[in-house]
N, C-alpha and C. Protein backbone atom coordinates (compact mmCIF):
# COMPACT_ATOMS: atom_id res chain seq x y z
N MET A 1 0.74 -1.49 -0.53
CA MET A 1 0.40 0.13 0.16
C MET A 1 0.93 0.99 0.41
N ALA A 2 2.30 1.36 1.03
CA ALA A 2 2.80 2.45 0.93
C ALA A 2 3.59 2.48 -0.49
N ASN A 3 3.78 1.24 -0.92
CA ASN A 3 4.62 1.71 -2.70
C ASN A 3 3.86 2.19 -3.54
N LYS A 4 2.62 2.01 -3.85
CA LYS A 4 1.31 2.35 -4.56
C LYS A 4 1.50 4.16 -3.99
N LEU A 5 1.14 4.14 -2.85
CA LEU A 5 1.00 5.52 -2.74
C LEU A 5 2.24 6.49 -2.61
N LEU A 6 3.34 6.27 -2.52
CA LEU A 6 4.33 6.69 -2.60
C LEU A 6 4.79 6.86 -4.66
N ASN A 7 4.48 6.00 -5.64
CA ASN A 7 4.39 5.84 -6.56
C ASN A 7 3.29 6.65 -7.11
N ALA A 8 2.11 6.96 -7.19
CA ALA A 8 0.94 7.43 -7.02
C ALA A 8 1.15 9.18 -6.59
N LEU A 9 2.09 9.38 -5.67
CA LEU A 9 2.31 10.90 -5.24
C LEU A 9 3.03 10.99 -6.10
N ASN A 10 4.28 10.40 -6.93
CA ASN A 10 5.67 10.72 -7.82
C ASN A 10 5.51 11.55 -9.04
N VAL A 11 5.32 13.35 -8.33
CA VAL A 11 5.11 14.22 -9.20
C VAL A 11 6.21 14.79 -10.01
N SER A 12 7.23 14.44 -9.55
CA SER A 12 8.53 14.60 -10.03
C SER A 12 8.70 14.16 -11.81
N GLN A 13 8.27 12.66 -11.22
CA GLN A 13 7.82 11.88 -13.15
C GLN A 13 7.07 12.35 -13.76
N ARG A 14 5.77 12.31 -13.14
CA ARG A 14 4.52 13.10 -13.81
C ARG A 14 5.09 13.79 -14.70
N THR A 15 5.37 14.92 -13.73
CA THR A 15 5.25 16.07 -14.06
C THR A 15 6.29 16.35 -15.37
N THR A 16 7.81 15.53 -15.31
CA THR A 16 8.72 15.69 -16.21
C THR A 16 7.83 14.19 -17.99
N ASP A 17 7.34 13.76 -17.55
CA ASP A 17 6.24 12.89 -18.66
C ASP A 17 5.25 14.27 -19.38
N PHE A 18 5.00 14.50 -17.85
CA PHE A 18 3.82 15.63 -18.69
C PHE A 18 4.55 17.21 -19.73
N VAL A 19 5.32 17.47 -19.03
CA VAL A 19 6.14 18.52 -19.78
C VAL A 19 6.68 18.08 -21.56
N PHE A 20 7.05 16.92 -21.47
CA PHE A 20 8.24 16.50 -22.27
C PHE A 20 6.71 16.14 -23.19
N GLY A 21 5.69 15.76 -22.77
CA GLY A 21 4.78 14.72 -23.86
C GLY A 21 4.05 16.14 -24.46
N ASN A 22 4.13 17.36 -23.86
CA ASN A 22 3.67 18.34 -24.53
C ASN A 22 4.27 19.63 -24.50
N PHE A 23 5.52 19.18 -25.12
CA PHE A 23 6.61 20.49 -25.21
C PHE A 23 6.22 21.04 -26.24
N ALA A 24 5.79 20.22 -27.38
CA ALA A 24 5.52 21.67 -28.74
C ALA A 24 4.55 22.32 -28.32
N TYR A 25 3.08 21.77 -27.63
CA TYR A 25 2.50 22.87 -27.48
C TYR A 25 2.75 24.42 -26.23
N LEU A 26 4.15 23.89 -25.48
CA LEU A 26 4.50 24.56 -24.72
C LEU A 26 4.94 25.60 -25.48
N MET A 27 5.91 25.22 -26.35
CA MET A 27 6.57 26.01 -26.99
C MET A 27 5.80 26.90 -27.98
N PHE A 28 4.88 26.99 -28.43
CA PHE A 28 3.85 27.49 -29.31
C PHE A 28 3.48 28.37 -28.23
N LEU A 29 2.74 27.76 -27.06
CA LEU A 29 2.53 29.30 -26.08
C LEU A 29 3.79 29.66 -25.59
N GLY A 30 5.12 29.39 -25.46
CA GLY A 30 5.85 30.24 -25.30
C GLY A 30 5.79 31.47 -26.82
N PHE A 31 5.79 30.92 -28.21
CA PHE A 31 6.17 31.90 -29.30
C PHE A 31 4.83 32.76 -29.16
N LEU A 32 3.38 31.98 -28.96
CA LEU A 32 2.70 33.73 -28.70
C LEU A 32 2.77 34.27 -27.68
N ALA A 33 3.32 33.61 -26.39
CA ALA A 33 3.47 35.00 -25.59
C ALA A 33 4.84 36.44 -25.75
N ILE A 34 5.63 35.33 -26.71
CA ILE A 34 6.43 36.47 -27.38
C ILE A 34 5.90 37.31 -28.22
N ILE A 35 4.64 36.36 -28.93
CA ILE A 35 4.56 37.45 -29.96
C ILE A 35 3.16 38.93 -29.65
N TYR A 36 2.92 38.22 -28.77
CA TYR A 36 2.04 39.79 -27.56
C TYR A 36 2.94 40.35 -27.55
N ILE A 37 3.70 40.49 -26.34
CA ILE A 37 4.35 40.92 -25.83
C ILE A 37 4.99 42.15 -26.79
N ALA A 38 5.76 41.49 -28.07
CA ALA A 38 6.08 42.50 -28.98
C ALA A 38 5.24 43.53 -29.68
N ASN A 39 3.74 42.59 -29.87
CA ASN A 39 3.22 43.80 -30.32
C ASN A 39 2.84 44.66 -29.68
N ALA A 40 2.54 44.24 -27.92
CA ALA A 40 2.19 45.66 -27.64
C ALA A 40 3.09 46.93 -27.47
N HIS A 41 4.88 46.48 -27.52
CA HIS A 41 5.21 47.38 -27.23
C HIS A 41 5.55 48.19 -29.09
N PHE A 42 5.31 46.88 -30.05
CA PHE A 42 4.88 48.27 -31.23
C PHE A 42 3.82 48.89 -31.46
N ALA A 43 2.73 48.92 -30.32
CA ALA A 43 1.55 49.61 -30.07
C ALA A 43 2.12 51.41 -29.99
N GLU A 44 2.54 50.75 -28.44
CA GLU A 44 3.01 51.70 -27.81
C GLU A 44 3.88 52.48 -28.29
N LYS A 45 4.55 52.35 -29.16
CA LYS A 45 5.60 52.60 -30.51
C LYS A 45 4.87 53.75 -31.19
N GLY A 46 3.71 53.10 -31.84
CA GLY A 46 3.06 54.25 -32.78
C GLY A 46 2.17 54.82 -31.82
N VAL A 47 1.88 54.76 -30.69
CA VAL A 47 0.94 55.52 -30.10
C VAL A 47 1.68 57.14 -30.31
N ARG A 48 2.88 56.79 -29.47
CA ARG A 48 3.85 57.53 -29.08
C ARG A 48 4.09 58.54 -30.17
N LYS A 49 4.46 57.51 -31.28
CA LYS A 49 4.64 58.79 -32.92
C LYS A 49 3.24 59.85 -32.99
N ILE A 50 2.12 58.77 -32.68
CA ILE A 50 1.10 59.53 -33.26
C ILE A 50 0.84 60.77 -32.28
N GLN A 51 1.21 60.56 -31.42
CA GLN A 51 1.03 62.07 -30.48
C GLN A 51 2.02 62.97 -30.65
N VAL A 52 3.00 62.86 -30.91
CA VAL A 52 4.26 63.90 -31.39
C VAL A 52 3.87 64.36 -32.71
N LEU A 53 3.30 63.43 -34.14
CA LEU A 53 3.28 64.18 -35.13
C LEU A 53 1.58 65.32 -34.73
N GLN A 54 0.78 64.68 -33.52
CA GLN A 54 -0.50 65.79 -33.31
C GLN A 54 -0.32 66.97 -32.39
N LYS A 55 1.03 66.97 -31.82
CA LYS A 55 1.22 67.92 -31.07
C LYS A 55 2.22 69.23 -32.16
N GLU A 56 2.84 68.35 -33.27
CA GLU A 56 3.44 68.87 -34.17
C GLU A 56 2.59 69.74 -35.22
N ILE A 57 1.32 69.29 -35.68
CA ILE A 57 0.26 69.76 -36.34
C ILE A 57 -0.06 70.48 -35.60
N LYS A 58 -0.32 71.04 -34.12
CA LYS A 58 -0.80 71.82 -33.66
C LYS A 58 -0.30 73.13 -33.89
N GLU A 59 1.23 72.88 -33.18
CA GLU A 59 2.01 74.14 -33.13
C GLU A 59 2.40 74.40 -35.08
N LEU A 60 2.14 73.85 -35.77
CA LEU A 60 2.28 74.49 -37.15
C LEU A 60 0.88 74.72 -37.70
N LYS A 61 -0.75 74.75 -36.92
CA LYS A 61 -1.87 75.14 -37.54
C LYS A 61 -1.83 76.66 -37.15
N TRP A 62 -0.92 76.76 -35.73
CA TRP A 62 -0.43 77.82 -34.69
C TRP A 62 -0.01 78.89 -35.55
N GLU A 63 1.35 78.18 -36.11
CA GLU A 63 2.08 79.33 -36.98
C GLU A 63 1.85 80.09 -38.27
N TYR A 64 0.88 79.19 -38.89
CA TYR A 64 -0.31 79.33 -39.78
C TYR A 64 -0.90 80.32 -39.67
N THR A 65 -1.79 80.64 -38.98
CA THR A 65 -2.83 81.23 -37.96
C THR A 65 -2.25 82.57 -38.28
N SER A 66 -1.14 82.53 -37.49
CA SER A 66 -0.33 84.06 -37.35
C SER A 66 0.47 84.55 -38.40
N ILE A 67 0.68 83.59 -39.10
CA ILE A 67 1.32 84.34 -40.53
C ILE A 67 0.13 84.87 -41.31
N LYS A 68 -0.54 83.83 -41.37
CA LYS A 68 -1.67 84.08 -42.21
C LYS A 68 -2.70 86.11 -41.85
N SER A 69 -2.36 85.95 -40.41
CA SER A 69 -3.05 87.18 -39.85
C SER A 69 -2.32 88.32 -40.00
N GLU A 70 -0.80 88.19 -40.21
CA GLU A 70 0.08 89.62 -39.86
C GLU A 70 0.07 90.00 -41.53
N THR A 71 -0.28 88.28 -42.94
CA THR A 71 -0.54 88.90 -43.98
C THR A 71 -1.78 89.75 -43.63
N MET A 72 -2.43 89.25 -43.26
CA MET A 72 -3.69 90.25 -43.91
C MET A 72 -3.90 91.96 -43.54
N TYR A 73 -2.68 91.62 -42.29
CA TYR A 73 -2.67 93.14 -41.82
C TYR A 73 -1.77 93.93 -42.19
N LYS A 74 -0.93 93.52 -42.93
CA LYS A 74 0.24 93.98 -43.68
C LYS A 74 -0.23 94.34 -45.37
N SER A 75 -1.24 93.64 -45.21
CA SER A 75 -1.77 94.34 -46.99
C SER A 75 -3.01 95.10 -46.81
N MET A 76 -3.38 95.83 -46.48
CA MET A 76 -3.97 96.39 -45.44
C MET A 76 -3.62 98.23 -46.74
N GLN A 77 -4.48 98.81 -46.97
CA GLN A 77 -4.20 99.67 -47.67
C GLN A 77 -3.50 100.93 -46.92
N SER A 78 -3.99 100.71 -45.50
CA SER A 78 -3.31 101.79 -44.83
C SER A 78 -1.67 101.58 -44.18
N GLN A 79 -1.68 100.28 -44.21
CA GLN A 79 -0.69 99.92 -43.68
C GLN A 79 0.88 99.53 -45.24
N ILE A 80 0.30 99.53 -45.47
CA ILE A 80 1.34 99.39 -47.38
C ILE A 80 1.40 101.04 -47.48
N ASP A 81 0.33 101.72 -47.46
CA ASP A 81 0.69 103.19 -47.44
C ASP A 81 1.79 103.96 -46.44
N GLU A 82 1.81 103.59 -45.01
CA GLU A 82 3.12 103.48 -44.13
C GLU A 82 4.13 102.81 -44.63
N SER A 83 4.36 101.67 -45.23
CA SER A 83 5.60 101.14 -44.94
C SER A 83 6.14 101.71 -46.80
N LEU A 84 5.28 102.02 -47.27
CA LEU A 84 5.99 103.00 -48.46
C LEU A 84 6.43 104.64 -48.21
N GLU A 85 5.93 104.95 -47.33
CA GLU A 85 6.53 106.78 -47.08
C GLU A 85 7.77 106.78 -46.75
N PRO A 86 8.05 106.20 -46.34
CA PRO A 86 10.04 106.12 -45.97
C PRO A 86 10.57 106.12 -47.50
N VAL A 87 10.12 105.49 -48.37
CA VAL A 87 10.86 105.29 -49.82
C VAL A 87 10.77 106.40 -50.46
N GLY A 88 9.59 107.33 -50.27
CA GLY A 88 8.54 108.42 -51.18
C GLY A 88 7.75 108.30 -51.95
N LEU A 89 7.42 107.45 -51.89
CA LEU A 89 6.04 107.23 -52.75
C LEU A 89 4.52 107.05 -51.72
N ASP A 90 3.80 107.69 -52.26
CA ASP A 90 2.70 108.49 -51.43
C ASP A 90 1.27 107.82 -52.41
N LEU A 91 0.87 106.84 -51.92
CA LEU A 91 -0.82 106.58 -52.40
C LEU A 91 -2.01 106.86 -52.16
N GLU A 92 -1.95 108.16 -52.81
CA GLU A 92 -3.05 109.03 -52.17
C GLU A 92 -4.50 108.22 -52.47
N ASN A 93 -5.33 108.35 -51.84
CA ASN A 93 -6.44 107.39 -52.27
C ASN A 93 -7.41 108.03 -53.73
N LYS A 94 -6.58 109.09 -54.43
CA LYS A 94 -7.57 109.62 -55.78
C LYS A 94 -8.37 108.39 -56.45
N GLY A 95 -7.52 107.24 -56.58
CA GLY A 95 -8.61 106.01 -57.02
C GLY A 95 -7.95 105.88 -58.52
N PRO A 96 -8.53 105.37 -59.33
CA PRO A 96 -7.90 104.84 -60.54
C PRO A 96 -8.01 106.37 -61.89
N ARG A 97 -6.66 106.42 -62.31
CA ARG A 97 -6.85 107.16 -63.53
C ARG A 97 -6.61 106.47 -64.52
N VAL A 98 -7.35 107.45 -66.11
CA VAL A 98 -7.35 106.75 -67.20
C VAL A 98 -6.59 107.45 -68.14
N ILE A 99 -5.68 106.54 -68.77
CA ILE A 99 -4.67 107.14 -69.57
C ILE A 99 -5.11 107.17 -71.13
N SER A 100 -5.33 108.53 -71.34
CA SER A 100 -5.92 108.87 -72.99
C SER A 100 -4.52 108.47 -74.27
N ASP A 101 -4.80 108.04 -75.36
CA ASP A 101 -4.26 108.62 -76.57
C ASP A 101 -4.47 110.17 -77.07
N GLU A 102 -4.81 110.92 -76.75
CA GLU A 102 -5.44 111.68 -77.62
C GLU A 102 -4.31 112.59 -77.54
């Protein structure tokens, strides 16, 4: 009776047989675990890159808006008049002149 009980509780032999009997399955599970970890790292890297690009887009939009408003301000007639005064040109609001060949 004692021998049967010891043989039934021989965990090391049973464990060894189980591991070697299912070695291919355990290798497959290990491979899946490695793929899962690699996929998580790849996804995190992609998320970080997207966040950097979103921040860059936001900064470029601010710069575009700033340049656009500055250009609109400088293209106003009064601003053009002011910028041409030091050169000696005077653009008075006399309207267009008609040149005739008479």
